Amino acid sequence: KALEAIALEKDNVEDTEDRTKPDVENIDKRAGELMSDFNSQVFLLIMISLRSARNLTTRKAITLVQNKYREGTLSKISVADLRLYCKGVRIKIASNAKKAELLEAVQKFLG
């Protein structure tokens, strides 16, 4: 208000209603349930797509490891893919396991 009074060179400035602020209560009354349903559906779709992407990555790692095992070239697989494989087939491994330990666990599981 003080800044407005200085800018307009007036001693007293009238109170004005800020028409830029949304009427949250009225919006909530009219569309609250619809917005809530929309948010729930979008959240669900996001979670499904993330889960599918993770599952696809894990399935690719499982296929890769099984193919390389059959070919006898298991050691050429990255540590990340070995970890995904172990996670996908539920082989318990230490979080700091080295590649040699991962290879040993996978060979034991497959052999």
PDB file of N, CA and C in Angstrom:
ATOM      1  N   LYS A   1       0.823  -1.192   0.000  1.00  0.00           N
ATOM      2  CA  LYS A   1       0.000   0.000   0.000  1.00  0.00           C
ATOM      3  C   LYS A   1       0.861   1.246   0.000  1.00  0.00           C
ATOM      4  N   ALA A   2       1.902   1.256   0.780  1.00  0.00           N
ATOM      5  CA  ALA A   2       2.762   2.427   0.857  1.00  0.00           C
ATOM      6  C   ALA A   2       3.397   2.714  -0.491  1.00  0.00           C
ATOM      7  N   LEU A   3       3.846   1.675  -1.165  1.00  0.00           N
ATOM      8  CA  LEU A   3       4.452   1.837  -2.478  1.00  0.00           C
ATOM      9  C   LEU A   3       3.431   2.363  -3.488  1.00  0.00           C
ATOM     10  N   GLU A   4       2.218   1.840  -3.400  1.00  0.00           N
ATOM     11  CA  GLU A   4       1.146   2.298  -4.283  1.00  0.00           C
ATOM     12  C   GLU A   4       0.834   3.769  -4.042  1.00  0.00           C
ATOM     13  N   ALA A   5       0.803   4.167  -2.790  1.00  0.00           N
ATOM     14  CA  ALA A   5       0.516   5.571  -2.445  1.00  0.00           C
ATOM     15  C   ALA A   5       1.614   6.491  -2.986  1.00  0.00           C
ATOM     16  N   ILE A   6       2.844   6.052  -2.875  1.00  0.00           N
ATOM     17  CA  ILE A   6       3.964   6.864  -3.388  1.00  0.00           C
ATOM     18  C   ILE A   6       3.883   6.955  -4.915  1.00  0.00           C
ATOM     19  N   ALA A   7       3.608   5.836  -5.575  1.00  0.00           N
ATOM     20  CA  ALA A   7       3.550   5.812  -7.032  1.00  0.00           C
ATOM     21  C   ALA A   7       2.433   6.679  -7.568  1.00  0.00           C
ATOM     22  N   LEU A   8       1.286   6.680  -6.875  1.00  0.00           N
ATOM     23  CA  LEU A   8       0.141   7.471  -7.323  1.00  0.00           C
ATOM     24  C   LEU A   8       0.132   8.874  -6.727  1.00  0.00           C
ATOM     25  N   GLU A   9       1.128   9.155  -5.932  1.00  0.00           N
ATOM     26  CA  GLU A   9       1.254  10.454  -5.252  1.00  0.00           C
ATOM     27  C   GLU A   9      -0.016  10.806  -4.491  1.00  0.00           C
ATOM     28  N   LYS A  10      -0.474   9.872  -3.712  1.00  0.00           N
ATOM     29  CA  LYS A  10      -1.670  10.066  -2.880  1.00  0.00           C
ATOM     30  C   LYS A  10      -1.320   9.744  -1.443  1.00  0.00           C
ATOM     31  N   ASP A  11      -2.056  10.380  -0.533  1.00  0.00           N
ATOM     32  CA  ASP A  11      -1.854  10.088   0.880  1.00  0.00           C
ATOM     33  C   ASP A  11      -2.597   8.822   1.282  1.00  0.00           C
ATOM     34  N   ASN A  12      -3.759   8.627   0.739  1.00  0.00           N
ATOM     35  CA  ASN A  12      -4.615   7.500   1.088  1.00  0.00           C
ATOM     36  C   ASN A  12      -4.952   6.701  -0.167  1.00  0.00           C
ATOM     37  N   VAL A  13      -4.786   5.405  -0.090  1.00  0.00           N
ATOM     38  CA  VAL A  13      -5.112   4.546  -1.228  1.00  0.00           C
ATOM     39  C   VAL A  13      -6.249   3.632  -0.807  1.00  0.00           C
ATOM     40  N   GLU A  14      -7.227   3.492  -1.691  1.00  0.00           N
ATOM     41  CA  GLU A  14      -8.386   2.640  -1.384  1.00  0.00           C
ATOM     42  C   GLU A  14      -7.993   1.160  -1.461  1.00  0.00           C
ATOM     43  N   ASP A  15      -8.670   0.369  -0.656  1.00  0.00           N
ATOM     44  CA  ASP A  15      -8.470  -1.074  -0.733  1.00  0.00           C
ATOM     45  C   ASP A  15      -9.069  -1.580  -2.038  1.00  0.00           C
ATOM     46  N   THR A  16      -8.326  -2.437  -2.702  1.00  0.00           N
ATOM     47  CA  THR A  16      -8.836  -3.028  -3.944  1.00  0.00           C
ATOM     48  C   THR A  16      -8.809  -4.537  -3.819  1.00  0.00           C
ATOM     49  N   GLU A  17      -9.711  -5.147  -4.534  1.00  0.00           N
ATOM     50  CA  GLU A  17      -9.794  -6.603  -4.519  1.00  0.00           C
ATOM     51  C   GLU A  17      -8.844  -7.166  -5.574  1.00  0.00           C
ATOM     52  N   ASP A  18      -8.037  -8.107  -5.174  1.00  0.00           N
ATOM     53  CA  ASP A  18      -7.108  -8.737  -6.112  1.00  0.00           C
ATOM     54  C   ASP A  18      -7.880  -9.761  -6.924  1.00  0.00           C
ATOM     55  N   ARG A  19      -8.156  -9.458  -8.161  1.00  0.00           N
ATOM     56  CA  ARG A  19      -8.940 -10.347  -9.029  1.00  0.00           C
ATOM     57  C   ARG A  19      -8.068 -11.390  -9.732  1.00  0.00           C
ATOM     58  N   THR A  20      -6.789 -11.365  -9.479  1.00  0.00           N
ATOM     59  CA  THR A  20      -5.910 -12.350 -10.106  1.00  0.00           C
ATOM     60  C   THR A  20      -5.814 -13.634  -9.296  1.00  0.00           C
ATOM     61  N   LYS A  21      -6.192 -13.565  -8.034  1.00  0.00           N
ATOM     62  CA  LYS A  21      -6.151 -14.767  -7.198  1.00  0.00           C
ATOM     63  C   LYS A  21      -7.328 -15.669  -7.550  1.00  0.00           C
ATOM     64  N   PRO A  22      -7.072 -16.979  -7.741  1.00  0.00           N
ATOM     65  CA  PRO A  22      -8.186 -17.882  -8.058  1.00  0.00           C
ATOM     66  C   PRO A  22      -9.076 -18.094  -6.836  1.00  0.00           C
ATOM     67  N   ASP A  23     -10.339 -18.307  -7.097  1.00  0.00           N
ATOM     68  CA  ASP A  23     -11.304 -18.588  -6.042  1.00  0.00           C
ATOM     69  C   ASP A  23     -11.220 -20.087  -5.728  1.00  0.00           C
ATOM     70  N   VAL A  24     -10.279 -20.428  -4.883  1.00  0.00           N
ATOM     71  CA  VAL A  24      -9.966 -21.829  -4.606  1.00  0.00           C
ATOM     72  C   VAL A  24     -11.171 -22.582  -4.052  1.00  0.00           C
ATOM     73  N   GLU A  25     -11.917 -21.975  -3.173  1.00  0.00           N
ATOM     74  CA  GLU A  25     -13.071 -22.668  -2.579  1.00  0.00           C
ATOM     75  C   GLU A  25     -14.120 -22.999  -3.629  1.00  0.00           C
ATOM     76  N   ASN A  26     -14.399 -22.059  -4.517  1.00  0.00           N
ATOM     77  CA  ASN A  26     -15.399 -22.290  -5.553  1.00  0.00           C
ATOM     78  C   ASN A  26     -14.908 -23.324  -6.555  1.00  0.00           C
ATOM     79  N   ILE A  27     -13.637 -23.259  -6.907  1.00  0.00           N
ATOM     80  CA  ILE A  27     -13.062 -24.244  -7.828  1.00  0.00           C
ATOM     81  C   ILE A  27     -13.150 -25.633  -7.212  1.00  0.00           C
ATOM     82  N   ASP A  28     -12.818 -25.733  -5.933  1.00  0.00           N
ATOM     83  CA  ASP A  28     -12.856 -27.021  -5.249  1.00  0.00           C
ATOM     84  C   ASP A  28     -14.280 -27.570  -5.188  1.00  0.00           C
ATOM     85  N   LYS A  29     -15.261 -26.677  -4.956  1.00  0.00           N
ATOM     86  CA  LYS A  29     -16.660 -27.113  -4.910  1.00  0.00           C
ATOM     87  C   LYS A  29     -17.097 -27.677  -6.252  1.00  0.00           C
ATOM     88  N   ARG A  30     -16.730 -26.976  -7.323  1.00  0.00           N
ATOM     89  CA  ARG A  30     -17.210 -27.348  -8.654  1.00  0.00           C
ATOM     90  C   ARG A  30     -16.436 -28.514  -9.269  1.00  0.00           C
ATOM     91  N   ALA A  31     -15.129 -28.544  -9.084  1.00  0.00           N
ATOM     92  CA  ALA A  31     -14.326 -29.531  -9.805  1.00  0.00           C
ATOM     93  C   ALA A  31     -13.410 -30.350  -8.907  1.00  0.00           C
ATOM     94  N   GLY A  32     -13.533 -30.196  -7.615  1.00  0.00           N
ATOM     95  CA  GLY A  32     -12.636 -30.878  -6.686  1.00  0.00           C
ATOM     96  C   GLY A  32     -12.588 -32.376  -6.871  1.00  0.00           C
ATOM     97  N   GLU A  33     -13.759 -32.996  -6.970  1.00  0.00           N
ATOM     98  CA  GLU A  33     -13.808 -34.451  -7.121  1.00  0.00           C
ATOM     99  C   GLU A  33     -13.237 -34.885  -8.472  1.00  0.00           C
ATOM    100  N   LEU A  34     -13.553 -34.135  -9.526  1.00  0.00           N
ATOM    101  CA  LEU A  34     -13.029 -34.453 -10.856  1.00  0.00           C
ATOM    102  C   LEU A  34     -11.511 -34.321 -10.893  1.00  0.00           C
ATOM    103  N   MET A  35     -11.000 -33.268 -10.274  1.00  0.00           N
ATOM    104  CA  MET A  35      -9.542 -33.073 -10.248  1.00  0.00           C
ATOM    105  C   MET A  35      -8.865 -34.169  -9.453  1.00  0.00           C
ATOM    106  N   SER A  36      -9.483 -34.565  -8.367  1.00  0.00           N
ATOM    107  CA  SER A  36      -8.918 -35.623  -7.546  1.00  0.00           C
ATOM    108  C   SER A  36      -8.884 -36.947  -8.319  1.00  0.00           C
ATOM    109  N   ASP A  37      -9.980 -37.266  -9.016  1.00  0.00           N
ATOM    110  CA  ASP A  37     -10.026 -38.483  -9.838  1.00  0.00           C
ATOM    111  C   ASP A  37      -8.976 -38.437 -10.938  1.00  0.00           C
ATOM    112  N   PHE A  38      -8.851 -37.286 -11.593  1.00  0.00           N
ATOM    113  CA  PHE A  38      -7.865 -37.114 -12.658  1.00  0.00           C
ATOM    114  C   PHE A  38      -6.458 -37.345 -12.114  1.00  0.00           C
ATOM    115  N   ASN A  39      -6.153 -36.723 -10.984  1.00  0.00           N
ATOM    116  CA  ASN A  39      -4.822 -36.881 -10.383  1.00  0.00           C
ATOM    117  C   ASN A  39      -4.548 -38.340 -10.036  1.00  0.00           C
ATOM    118  N   SER A  40      -5.534 -39.030  -9.513  1.00  0.00           N
ATOM    119  CA  SER A  40      -5.364 -40.444  -9.161  1.00  0.00           C
ATOM    120  C   SER A  40      -5.083 -41.289 -10.399  1.00  0.00           C
ATOM    121  N   GLN A  41      -5.821 -41.024 -11.474  1.00  0.00           N
ATOM    122  CA  GLN A  41      -5.634 -41.799 -12.696  1.00  0.00           C
ATOM    123  C   GLN A  41      -4.266 -41.535 -13.325  1.00  0.00           C
ATOM    124  N   VAL A  42      -3.851 -40.273 -13.342  1.00  0.00           N
ATOM    125  CA  VAL A  42      -2.548 -39.936 -13.899  1.00  0.00           C
ATOM    126  C   VAL A  42      -1.443 -40.581 -13.068  1.00  0.00           C
ATOM    127  N   PHE A  43      -1.560 -40.509 -11.758  1.00  0.00           N
ATOM    128  CA  PHE A  43      -0.573 -41.129 -10.874  1.00  0.00           C
ATOM    129  C   PHE A  43      -0.497 -42.628 -11.136  1.00  0.00           C
ATOM    130  N   LEU A  44      -1.641 -43.270 -11.272  1.00  0.00           N
ATOM    131  CA  LEU A  44      -1.682 -44.710 -11.527  1.00  0.00           C
ATOM    132  C   LEU A  44      -1.004 -45.049 -12.858  1.00  0.00           C
ATOM    133  N   LEU A  45      -1.288 -44.268 -13.894  1.00  0.00           N
ATOM    134  CA  LEU A  45      -0.667 -44.509 -15.205  1.00  0.00           C
ATOM    135  C   LEU A  45       0.846 -44.336 -15.142  1.00  0.00           C
ATOM    136  N   ILE A  46       1.296 -43.341 -14.406  1.00  0.00           N
ATOM    137  CA  ILE A  46       2.736 -43.124 -14.261  1.00  0.00           C
ATOM    138  C   ILE A  46       3.375 -44.306 -13.553  1.00  0.00           C
ATOM    139  N   MET A  47       2.756 -44.769 -12.486  1.00  0.00           N
ATOM    140  CA  MET A  47       3.307 -45.899 -11.738  1.00  0.00           C
ATOM    141  C   MET A  47       3.340 -47.161 -12.599  1.00  0.00           C
ATOM    142  N   ILE A  48       2.295 -47.391 -13.386  1.00  0.00           N
ATOM    143  CA  ILE A  48       2.252 -48.575 -14.252  1.00  0.00           C
ATOM    144  C   ILE A  48       3.349 -48.502 -15.296  1.00  0.00           C
ATOM    145  N   SER A  49       3.531 -47.327 -15.897  1.00  0.00           N
ATOM    146  CA  SER A  49       4.561 -47.212 -16.935  1.00  0.00           C
ATOM    147  C   SER A  49       5.954 -47.370 -16.349  1.00  0.00           C
ATOM    148  N   LEU A  50       6.188 -46.843 -15.140  1.00  0.00           N
ATOM    149  CA  LEU A  50       7.496 -47.016 -14.504  1.00  0.00           C
ATOM    150  C   LEU A  50       7.744 -48.479 -14.174  1.00  0.00           C
ATOM    151  N   ARG A  51       6.732 -49.143 -13.652  1.00  0.00           N
ATOM    152  CA  ARG A  51       6.870 -50.549 -13.299  1.00  0.00           C
ATOM    153  C   ARG A  51       7.124 -51.388 -14.554  1.00  0.00           C
ATOM    154  N   SER A  52       6.418 -51.077 -15.639  1.00  0.00           N
ATOM    155  CA  SER A  52       6.611 -51.809 -16.885  1.00  0.00           C
ATOM    156  C   SER A  52       8.012 -51.602 -17.426  1.00  0.00           C
ATOM    157  N   ALA A  53       8.505 -50.379 -17.346  1.00  0.00           N
ATOM    158  CA  ALA A  53       9.855 -50.089 -17.832  1.00  0.00           C
ATOM    159  C   ALA A  53      10.888 -50.861 -17.017  1.00  0.00           C
ATOM    160  N   ARG A  54      10.715 -50.879 -15.703  1.00  0.00           N
ATOM    161  CA  ARG A  54      11.638 -51.627 -14.850  1.00  0.00           C
ATOM    162  C   ARG A  54      11.575 -53.114 -15.161  1.00  0.00           C
ATOM    163  N   ASN A  55      10.358 -53.643 -15.306  1.00  0.00           N
ATOM    164  CA  ASN A  55      10.201 -55.064 -15.597  1.00  0.00           C
ATOM    165  C   ASN A  55      10.805 -55.416 -16.947  1.00  0.00           C
ATOM    166  N   LEU A  56      10.635 -54.533 -17.933  1.00  0.00           N
ATOM    167  CA  LEU A  56      11.195 -54.780 -19.250  1.00  0.00           C
ATOM    168  C   LEU A  56      12.714 -54.827 -19.185  1.00  0.00           C
ATOM    169  N   THR A  57      13.315 -53.895 -18.458  1.00  0.00           N
ATOM    170  CA  THR A  57      14.766 -53.875 -18.303  1.00  0.00           C
ATOM    171  C   THR A  57      15.253 -55.146 -17.627  1.00  0.00           C
ATOM    172  N   THR A  58      14.561 -55.581 -16.598  1.00  0.00           N
ATOM    173  CA  THR A  58      14.937 -56.807 -15.888  1.00  0.00           C
ATOM    174  C   THR A  58      14.776 -58.026 -16.800  1.00  0.00           C
ATOM    175  N   ARG A  59      13.691 -58.068 -17.566  1.00  0.00           N
ATOM    176  CA  ARG A  59      13.490 -59.204 -18.480  1.00  0.00           C
ATOM    177  C   ARG A  59      14.590 -59.254 -19.534  1.00  0.00           C
ATOM    178  N   LYS A  60      14.989 -58.084 -20.034  1.00  0.00           N
ATOM    179  CA  LYS A  60      16.076 -58.047 -21.021  1.00  0.00           C
ATOM    180  C   LYS A  60      17.373 -58.568 -20.403  1.00  0.00           C
ATOM    181  N   ALA A  61      17.645 -58.179 -19.157  1.00  0.00           N
ATOM    182  CA  ALA A  61      18.860 -58.645 -18.478  1.00  0.00           C
ATOM    183  C   ALA A  61      18.807 -60.160 -18.260  1.00  0.00           C
ATOM    184  N   ILE A  62      17.657 -60.678 -17.903  1.00  0.00           N
ATOM    185  CA  ILE A  62      17.515 -62.125 -17.693  1.00  0.00           C
ATOM    186  C   ILE A  62      17.778 -62.873 -18.997  1.00  0.00           C
ATOM    187  N   THR A  63      17.179 -62.397 -20.086  1.00  0.00           N
ATOM    188  CA  THR A  63      17.391 -63.033 -21.390  1.00  0.00           C
ATOM    189  C   THR A  63      18.853 -62.964 -21.799  1.00  0.00           C
ATOM    190  N   LEU A  64      19.468 -61.802 -21.606  1.00  0.00           N
ATOM    191  CA  LEU A  64      20.874 -61.617 -21.959  1.00  0.00           C
ATOM    192  C   LEU A  64      21.771 -62.585 -21.194  1.00  0.00           C
ATOM    193  N   VAL A  65      21.571 -62.666 -19.882  1.00  0.00           N
ATOM    194  CA  VAL A  65      22.406 -63.538 -19.052  1.00  0.00           C
ATOM    195  C   VAL A  65      22.220 -64.998 -19.457  1.00  0.00           C
ATOM    196  N   GLN A  66      20.994 -65.409 -19.679  1.00  0.00           N
ATOM    197  CA  GLN A  66      20.755 -66.800 -20.060  1.00  0.00           C
ATOM    198  C   GLN A  66      21.405 -67.126 -21.410  1.00  0.00           C
ATOM    199  N   ASN A  67      21.308 -66.194 -22.371  1.00  0.00           N
ATOM    200  CA  ASN A  67      21.936 -66.416 -23.684  1.00  0.00           C
ATOM    201  C   ASN A  67      23.454 -66.481 -23.564  1.00  0.00           C
ATOM    202  N   LYS A  68      24.037 -65.557 -22.816  1.00  0.00           N
ATOM    203  CA  LYS A  68      25.495 -65.537 -22.655  1.00  0.00           C
ATOM    204  C   LYS A  68      25.976 -66.778 -21.895  1.00  0.00           C
ATOM    205  N   TYR A  69      25.170 -67.255 -20.957  1.00  0.00           N
ATOM    206  CA  TYR A  69      25.525 -68.472 -20.222  1.00  0.00           C
ATOM    207  C   TYR A  69      25.601 -69.661 -21.184  1.00  0.00           C
ATOM    208  N   ARG A  70      24.595 -69.771 -22.072  1.00  0.00           N
ATOM    209  CA  ARG A  70      24.580 -70.862 -23.052  1.00  0.00           C
ATOM    210  C   ARG A  70      25.768 -70.761 -24.013  1.00  0.00           C
ATOM    211  N   GLU A  71      26.145 -69.529 -24.359  1.00  0.00           N
ATOM    212  CA  GLU A  71      27.259 -69.309 -25.290  1.00  0.00           C
ATOM    213  C   GLU A  71      28.621 -69.471 -24.612  1.00  0.00           C
ATOM    214  N   GLY A  72      28.618 -69.452 -23.272  1.00  0.00           N
ATOM    215  CA  GLY A  72      29.870 -69.541 -22.534  1.00  0.00           C
ATOM    216  C   GLY A  72      30.606 -68.215 -22.438  1.00  0.00           C
ATOM    217  N   THR A  73      29.887 -67.123 -22.629  1.00  0.00           N
ATOM    218  CA  THR A  73      30.511 -65.790 -22.584  1.00  0.00           C
ATOM    219  C   THR A  73      29.901 -64.930 -21.481  1.00  0.00           C
ATOM    220  N   LEU A  74      29.607 -65.560 -20.376  1.00  0.00           N
ATOM    221  CA  LEU A  74      28.973 -64.867 -19.260  1.00  0.00           C
ATOM    222  C   LEU A  74      29.825 -63.705 -18.740  1.00  0.00           C
ATOM    223  N   SER A  75      31.122 -63.836 -18.813  1.00  0.00           N
ATOM    224  CA  SER A  75      32.014 -62.803 -18.264  1.00  0.00           C
ATOM    225  C   SER A  75      31.967 -61.493 -19.048  1.00  0.00           C
ATOM    226  N   LYS A  76      31.354 -61.499 -20.224  1.00  0.00           N
ATOM    227  CA  LYS A  76      31.268 -60.287 -21.034  1.00  0.00           C
ATOM    228  C   LYS A  76      30.087 -59.394 -20.637  1.00  0.00           C
ATOM    229  N   ILE A  77      29.280 -59.842 -19.700  1.00  0.00           N
ATOM    230  CA  ILE A  77      28.104 -59.078 -19.269  1.00  0.00           C
ATOM    231  C   ILE A  77      28.520 -58.031 -18.248  1.00  0.00           C
ATOM    232  N   SER A  78      27.875 -56.874 -18.325  1.00  0.00           N
ATOM    233  CA  SER A  78      28.197 -55.784 -17.394  1.00  0.00           C
ATOM    234  C   SER A  78      27.710 -56.108 -15.985  1.00  0.00           C
ATOM    235  N   VAL A  79      28.309 -55.452 -15.030  1.00  0.00           N
ATOM    236  CA  VAL A  79      27.925 -55.624 -13.624  1.00  0.00           C
ATOM    237  C   VAL A  79      26.464 -55.214 -13.429  1.00  0.00           C
ATOM    238  N   ALA A  80      26.056 -54.146 -14.112  1.00  0.00           N
ATOM    239  CA  ALA A  80      24.669 -53.667 -13.980  1.00  0.00           C
ATOM    240  C   ALA A  80      23.681 -54.736 -14.430  1.00  0.00           C
ATOM    241  N   ASP A  81      23.958 -55.382 -15.560  1.00  0.00           N
ATOM    242  CA  ASP A  81      23.066 -56.439 -16.044  1.00  0.00           C
ATOM    243  C   ASP A  81      23.092 -57.663 -15.130  1.00  0.00           C
ATOM    244  N   LEU A  82      24.253 -57.978 -14.595  1.00  0.00           N
ATOM    245  CA  LEU A  82      24.333 -59.099 -13.648  1.00  0.00           C
ATOM    246  C   LEU A  82      23.509 -58.808 -12.395  1.00  0.00           C
ATOM    247  N   ARG A  83      23.586 -57.568 -11.920  1.00  0.00           N
ATOM    248  CA  ARG A  83      22.787 -57.185 -10.742  1.00  0.00           C
ATOM    249  C   ARG A  83      21.291 -57.273 -11.045  1.00  0.00           C
ATOM    250  N   LEU A  84      20.900 -56.778 -12.225  1.00  0.00           N
ATOM    251  CA  LEU A  84      19.485 -56.856 -12.615  1.00  0.00           C
ATOM    252  C   LEU A  84      19.025 -58.303 -12.703  1.00  0.00           C
ATOM    253  N   TYR A  85      19.863 -59.148 -13.265  1.00  0.00           N
ATOM    254  CA  TYR A  85      19.529 -60.568 -13.364  1.00  0.00           C
ATOM    255  C   TYR A  85      19.313 -61.156 -11.970  1.00  0.00           C
ATOM    256  N   CYS A  86      20.259 -60.897 -11.092  1.00  0.00           N
ATOM    257  CA  CYS A  86      20.159 -61.429  -9.720  1.00  0.00           C
ATOM    258  C   CYS A  86      18.888 -60.940  -9.041  1.00  0.00           C
ATOM    259  N   LYS A  87      18.584 -59.677  -9.240  1.00  0.00           N
ATOM    260  CA  LYS A  87      17.361 -59.125  -8.652  1.00  0.00           C
ATOM    261  C   LYS A  87      16.125 -59.789  -9.260  1.00  0.00           C
ATOM    262  N   GLY A  88      16.160 -59.966 -10.599  1.00  0.00           N
ATOM    263  CA  GLY A  88      15.006 -60.531 -11.299  1.00  0.00           C
ATOM    264  C   GLY A  88      14.706 -61.966 -10.929  1.00  0.00           C
ATOM    265  N   VAL A  89      15.750 -62.757 -10.685  1.00  0.00           N
ATOM    266  CA  VAL A  89      15.537 -64.168 -10.338  1.00  0.00           C
ATOM    267  C   VAL A  89      15.671 -64.406  -8.832  1.00  0.00           C
ATOM    268  N   ARG A  90      15.791 -63.328  -8.110  1.00  0.00           N
ATOM    269  CA  ARG A  90      15.826 -63.333  -6.644  1.00  0.00           C
ATOM    270  C   ARG A  90      17.025 -64.078  -6.062  1.00  0.00           C
ATOM    271  N   ILE A  91      18.200 -63.829  -6.647  1.00  0.00           N
ATOM    272  CA  ILE A  91      19.442 -64.327  -6.061  1.00  0.00           C
ATOM    273  C   ILE A  91      19.897 -63.275  -5.067  1.00  0.00           C
ATOM    274  N   LYS A  92      20.119 -63.684  -3.837  1.00  0.00           N
ATOM    275  CA  LYS A  92      20.559 -62.721  -2.818  1.00  0.00           C
ATOM    276  C   LYS A  92      22.046 -62.445  -2.978  1.00  0.00           C
ATOM    277  N   ILE A  93      22.355 -61.158  -3.137  1.00  0.00           N
ATOM    278  CA  ILE A  93      23.747 -60.739  -3.289  1.00  0.00           C
ATOM    279  C   ILE A  93      23.990 -59.519  -2.412  1.00  0.00           C
ATOM    280  N   ALA A  94      25.249 -59.335  -2.043  1.00  0.00           N
ATOM    281  CA  ALA A  94      25.611 -58.150  -1.266  1.00  0.00           C
ATOM    282  C   ALA A  94      25.532 -56.925  -2.182  1.00  0.00           C
ATOM    283  N   SER A  95      25.173 -55.797  -1.618  1.00  0.00           N
ATOM    284  CA  SER A  95      25.044 -54.577  -2.420  1.00  0.00           C
ATOM    285  C   SER A  95      26.383 -54.130  -2.995  1.00  0.00           C
ATOM    286  N   ASN A  96      27.461 -54.538  -2.371  1.00  0.00           N
ATOM    287  CA  ASN A  96      28.787 -54.143  -2.856  1.00  0.00           C
ATOM    288  C   ASN A  96      29.517 -55.307  -3.537  1.00  0.00           C
ATOM    289  N   ALA A  97      28.761 -56.303  -4.000  1.00  0.00           N
ATOM    290  CA  ALA A  97      29.368 -57.490  -4.620  1.00  0.00           C
ATOM    291  C   ALA A  97      30.137 -57.104  -5.877  1.00  0.00           C
ATOM    292  N   LYS A  98      31.299 -57.700  -6.031  1.00  0.00           N
ATOM    293  CA  LYS A  98      32.147 -57.488  -7.207  1.00  0.00           C
ATOM    294  C   LYS A  98      31.648 -58.361  -8.360  1.00  0.00           C
ATOM    295  N   LYS A  99      32.155 -58.076  -9.555  1.00  0.00           N
ATOM    296  CA  LYS A  99      31.726 -58.815 -10.738  1.00  0.00           C
ATOM    297  C   LYS A  99      31.998 -60.307 -10.580  1.00  0.00           C
ATOM    298  N   ALA A 100      33.150 -60.668 -10.036  1.00  0.00           N
ATOM    299  CA  ALA A 100      33.489 -62.083  -9.852  1.00  0.00           C
ATOM    300  C   ALA A 100      32.464 -62.774  -8.948  1.00  0.00           C
ATOM    301  N   GLU A 101      32.043 -62.085  -7.895  1.00  0.00           N
ATOM    302  CA  GLU A 101      31.042 -62.658  -6.973  1.00  0.00           C
ATOM    303  C   GLU A 101      29.689 -62.806  -7.659  1.00  0.00           C
ATOM    304  N   LEU A 102      29.333 -61.814  -8.485  1.00  0.00           N
ATOM    305  CA  LEU A 102      28.067 -61.884  -9.216  1.00  0.00           C
ATOM    306  C   LEU A 102      28.090 -63.046 -10.209  1.00  0.00           C
ATOM    307  N   LEU A 103      29.199 -63.168 -10.935  1.00  0.00           N
ATOM    308  CA  LEU A 103      29.333 -64.263 -11.900  1.00  0.00           C
ATOM    309  C   LEU A 103      29.241 -65.625 -11.209  1.00  0.00           C
ATOM    310  N   GLU A 104      29.886 -65.736 -10.071  1.00  0.00           N
ATOM    311  CA  GLU A 104      29.849 -66.986  -9.304  1.00  0.00           C
ATOM    312  C   GLU A 104      28.412 -67.319  -8.876  1.00  0.00           C
ATOM    313  N   ALA A 105      27.694 -66.318  -8.389  1.00  0.00           N
ATOM    314  CA  ALA A 105      26.324 -66.536  -7.940  1.00  0.00           C
ATOM    315  C   ALA A 105      25.419 -66.936  -9.108  1.00  0.00           C
ATOM    316  N   VAL A 106      25.613 -66.289 -10.246  1.00  0.00           N
ATOM    317  CA  VAL A 106      24.789 -66.589 -11.429  1.00  0.00           C
ATOM    318  C   VAL A 106      25.105 -67.994 -11.945  1.00  0.00           C
ATOM    319  N   GLN A 107      26.387 -68.335 -12.020  1.00  0.00           N
ATOM    320  CA  GLN A 107      26.764 -69.671 -12.503  1.00  0.00           C
ATOM    321  C   GLN A 107      26.252 -70.765 -11.565  1.00  0.00           C
ATOM    322  N   LYS A 108      26.305 -70.489 -10.280  1.00  0.00           N
ATOM    323  CA  LYS A 108      25.791 -71.460  -9.300  1.00  0.00           C
ATOM    324  C   LYS A 108      24.291 -71.629  -9.496  1.00  0.00           C
ATOM    325  N   PHE A 109      23.599 -70.523  -9.739  1.00  0.00           N
ATOM    326  CA  PHE A 109      22.143 -70.562  -9.930  1.00  0.00           C
ATOM    327  C   PHE A 109      21.784 -71.298 -11.217  1.00  0.00           C
ATOM    328  N   LEU A 110      22.501 -71.023 -12.283  1.00  0.00           N
ATOM    329  CA  LEU A 110      22.187 -71.621 -13.584  1.00  0.00           C
ATOM    330  C   LEU A 110      22.754 -73.040 -13.746  1.00  0.00           C
ATOM    331  N   GLY A 111      23.823 -73.318 -13.006  1.00  0.00           N
ATOM    332  CA  GLY A 111      24.491 -74.620 -13.175  1.00  0.00           C
ATOM    333  C   GLY A 111      23.914 -75.640 -12.297  1.00  0.00           C
TER     334      GLY A 111
END
